[in-house]
Amino acid sequence: MNPTPAETFTAAAARAREIGDPLHTATADLFDVYTKRFVIWKGPHVSDELAAGLHMARAITNTPR
């Protein structure tokens, strides 16, 4: 089963904080906001904002260690 947007943003925030540079730390803070905003999301529609945030979250989550 695919993770919810909130789960995706939570994982990306953790990974961004692990990377630790100032840009990723700021991005982690943004993902925390997105997590709260989309925690009640039920789908299936996806706004442009949600789609862009998920794309960025997946990119950070997939950043090699």
N, C-alpha and C. Protein backbone atom coordinates (compact mmCIF):
# COMPACT_ATOMS: atom_id res chain seq x y z
N MET A 1 0.83 -1.18 0.00
CA MET A 1 0.00 0.00 0.00
C MET A 1 0.88 1.25 0.00
N ASN A 2 0.50 2.24 -0.76
CA ASN A 2 1.26 3.48 -0.83
C ASN A 2 1.12 4.28 0.46
N PRO A 3 2.19 4.96 0.86
CA PRO A 3 2.08 5.79 2.06
C PRO A 3 1.17 6.99 1.80
N THR A 4 0.58 7.49 2.87
CA THR A 4 -0.23 8.70 2.76
C THR A 4 0.69 9.89 2.55
N PRO A 5 0.16 11.02 2.08
CA PRO A 5 1.00 12.21 1.97
C PRO A 5 1.67 12.57 3.30
N ALA A 6 0.95 12.47 4.40
CA ALA A 6 1.54 12.82 5.70
C ALA A 6 2.72 11.91 6.02
N GLU A 7 2.59 10.62 5.73
CA GLU A 7 3.70 9.69 5.96
C GLU A 7 4.89 10.00 5.07
N THR A 8 4.60 10.37 3.82
CA THR A 8 5.67 10.73 2.89
C THR A 8 6.42 11.96 3.37
N PHE A 9 5.67 12.98 3.81
CA PHE A 9 6.30 14.22 4.29
C PHE A 9 7.08 13.98 5.59
N THR A 10 6.57 13.13 6.47
CA THR A 10 7.27 12.83 7.72
C THR A 10 8.61 12.15 7.43
N ALA A 11 8.60 11.18 6.52
CA ALA A 11 9.85 10.49 6.15
C ALA A 11 10.83 11.44 5.49
N ALA A 12 10.33 12.31 4.63
CA ALA A 12 11.21 13.26 3.95
C ALA A 12 11.80 14.27 4.93
N ALA A 13 11.01 14.70 5.90
CA ALA A 13 11.53 15.64 6.91
C ALA A 13 12.66 14.99 7.71
N ALA A 14 12.47 13.73 8.07
CA ALA A 14 13.52 13.02 8.82
C ALA A 14 14.79 12.90 7.98
N ARG A 15 14.64 12.55 6.72
CA ARG A 15 15.81 12.40 5.84
C ARG A 15 16.49 13.75 5.63
N ALA A 16 15.70 14.81 5.44
CA ALA A 16 16.28 16.14 5.23
C ALA A 16 17.08 16.58 6.46
N ARG A 17 16.55 16.29 7.65
CA ARG A 17 17.29 16.64 8.87
C ARG A 17 18.56 15.81 9.01
N GLU A 18 18.50 14.58 8.53
CA GLU A 18 19.68 13.72 8.55
C GLU A 18 20.78 14.29 7.64
N ILE A 19 20.37 14.82 6.47
CA ILE A 19 21.34 15.44 5.56
C ILE A 19 21.98 16.63 6.25
N GLY A 20 21.15 17.47 6.87
CA GLY A 20 21.62 18.45 7.83
C GLY A 20 22.12 19.79 7.35
N ASP A 21 22.24 20.04 6.05
CA ASP A 21 22.69 21.37 5.65
C ASP A 21 21.52 22.36 5.79
N PRO A 22 21.81 23.66 5.76
CA PRO A 22 20.76 24.66 6.00
C PRO A 22 19.56 24.55 5.05
N LEU A 23 19.79 24.28 3.78
CA LEU A 23 18.69 24.16 2.84
C LEU A 23 17.79 22.98 3.19
N HIS A 24 18.38 21.84 3.49
CA HIS A 24 17.58 20.67 3.83
C HIS A 24 16.87 20.84 5.18
N THR A 25 17.50 21.53 6.11
CA THR A 25 16.86 21.78 7.40
C THR A 25 15.63 22.66 7.21
N ALA A 26 15.74 23.69 6.38
CA ALA A 26 14.59 24.55 6.09
C ALA A 26 13.50 23.76 5.36
N THR A 27 13.90 22.88 4.47
CA THR A 27 12.94 22.06 3.75
C THR A 27 12.22 21.11 4.72
N ALA A 28 12.94 20.60 5.69
CA ALA A 28 12.31 19.74 6.70
C ALA A 28 11.23 20.49 7.45
N ASP A 29 11.48 21.75 7.76
CA ASP A 29 10.47 22.57 8.43
C ASP A 29 9.23 22.73 7.55
N LEU A 30 9.44 22.91 6.25
CA LEU A 30 8.32 23.00 5.31
C LEU A 30 7.54 21.68 5.28
N PHE A 31 8.25 20.57 5.28
CA PHE A 31 7.57 19.27 5.28
C PHE A 31 6.77 19.07 6.55
N ASP A 32 7.23 19.60 7.68
CA ASP A 32 6.44 19.52 8.91
C ASP A 32 5.11 20.24 8.74
N VAL A 33 5.13 21.39 8.08
CA VAL A 33 3.90 22.14 7.81
C VAL A 33 3.00 21.32 6.88
N TYR A 34 3.58 20.77 5.82
CA TYR A 34 2.81 19.95 4.90
C TYR A 34 2.20 18.73 5.60
N THR A 35 2.95 18.13 6.51
CA THR A 35 2.43 16.96 7.24
C THR A 35 1.16 17.34 7.98
N LYS A 36 1.19 18.47 8.67
CA LYS A 36 0.00 18.91 9.41
C LYS A 36 -1.14 19.27 8.47
N ARG A 37 -0.80 19.86 7.34
CA ARG A 37 -1.84 20.30 6.40
C ARG A 37 -2.52 19.13 5.72
N PHE A 38 -1.79 18.10 5.39
CA PHE A 38 -2.34 17.00 4.62
C PHE A 38 -2.61 15.75 5.45
N VAL A 39 -2.56 15.84 6.77
CA VAL A 39 -2.78 14.67 7.61
C VAL A 39 -4.21 14.14 7.45
N ILE A 40 -5.15 14.99 7.09
CA ILE A 40 -6.54 14.55 6.93
C ILE A 40 -6.91 14.28 5.48
N TRP A 41 -5.93 14.34 4.58
CA TRP A 41 -6.17 14.13 3.16
C TRP A 41 -6.72 12.74 2.92
N LYS A 42 -7.80 12.66 2.15
CA LYS A 42 -8.41 11.37 1.86
C LYS A 42 -8.33 11.00 0.38
N GLY A 43 -7.89 11.95 -0.47
CA GLY A 43 -7.77 11.67 -1.89
C GLY A 43 -9.11 11.47 -2.55
N PRO A 44 -9.17 11.07 -3.77
CA PRO A 44 -8.03 10.76 -4.63
C PRO A 44 -7.48 11.98 -5.35
N HIS A 45 -8.20 13.13 -5.27
CA HIS A 45 -7.72 14.31 -5.99
C HIS A 45 -6.40 14.80 -5.40
N VAL A 46 -5.60 15.40 -6.25
CA VAL A 46 -4.30 15.92 -5.82
C VAL A 46 -4.17 17.34 -6.34
N SER A 47 -4.01 18.28 -5.43
CA SER A 47 -3.80 19.67 -5.83
C SER A 47 -2.39 19.84 -6.38
N ASP A 48 -2.18 20.92 -7.10
CA ASP A 48 -0.84 21.20 -7.61
C ASP A 48 0.16 21.35 -6.47
N GLU A 49 -0.27 21.97 -5.39
CA GLU A 49 0.61 22.15 -4.23
C GLU A 49 1.00 20.81 -3.63
N LEU A 50 0.03 19.93 -3.47
CA LEU A 50 0.33 18.61 -2.92
C LEU A 50 1.23 17.82 -3.85
N ALA A 51 0.94 17.86 -5.13
CA ALA A 51 1.76 17.13 -6.10
C ALA A 51 3.21 17.62 -6.09
N ALA A 52 3.40 18.93 -6.05
CA ALA A 52 4.76 19.49 -6.03
C ALA A 52 5.48 19.12 -4.73
N GLY A 53 4.77 19.20 -3.62
CA GLY A 53 5.38 18.85 -2.34
C GLY A 53 5.77 17.38 -2.28
N LEU A 54 4.90 16.51 -2.79
CA LEU A 54 5.22 15.08 -2.80
C LEU A 54 6.40 14.78 -3.69
N HIS A 55 6.49 15.45 -4.82
CA HIS A 55 7.62 15.24 -5.73
C HIS A 55 8.92 15.62 -5.02
N MET A 56 8.93 16.76 -4.36
CA MET A 56 10.13 17.21 -3.64
C MET A 56 10.44 16.26 -2.48
N ALA A 57 9.40 15.81 -1.77
CA ALA A 57 9.60 14.91 -0.64
C ALA A 57 10.22 13.59 -1.09
N ARG A 58 9.71 13.07 -2.19
CA ARG A 58 10.26 11.80 -2.69
C ARG A 58 11.70 11.95 -3.15
N ALA A 59 12.01 13.08 -3.73
CA ALA A 59 13.38 13.33 -4.18
C ALA A 59 14.34 13.35 -2.99
N ILE A 60 13.95 14.00 -1.93
CA ILE A 60 14.82 14.07 -0.75
C ILE A 60 14.91 12.70 -0.07
N THR A 61 13.80 12.01 0.03
CA THR A 61 13.81 10.69 0.65
C THR A 61 14.72 9.73 -0.10
N ASN A 62 14.78 9.89 -1.42
CA ASN A 62 15.61 9.00 -2.25
C ASN A 62 17.05 9.47 -2.40
N THR A 63 17.44 10.54 -1.74
CA THR A 63 18.82 11.02 -1.79
C THR A 63 19.73 9.96 -1.16
N PRO A 64 20.76 9.54 -1.89
CA PRO A 64 21.65 8.50 -1.34
C PRO A 64 22.32 8.95 -0.05
N ARG A 65 22.56 8.00 0.79
CA ARG A 65 23.23 8.29 2.07
C ARG A 65 24.72 8.39 1.84
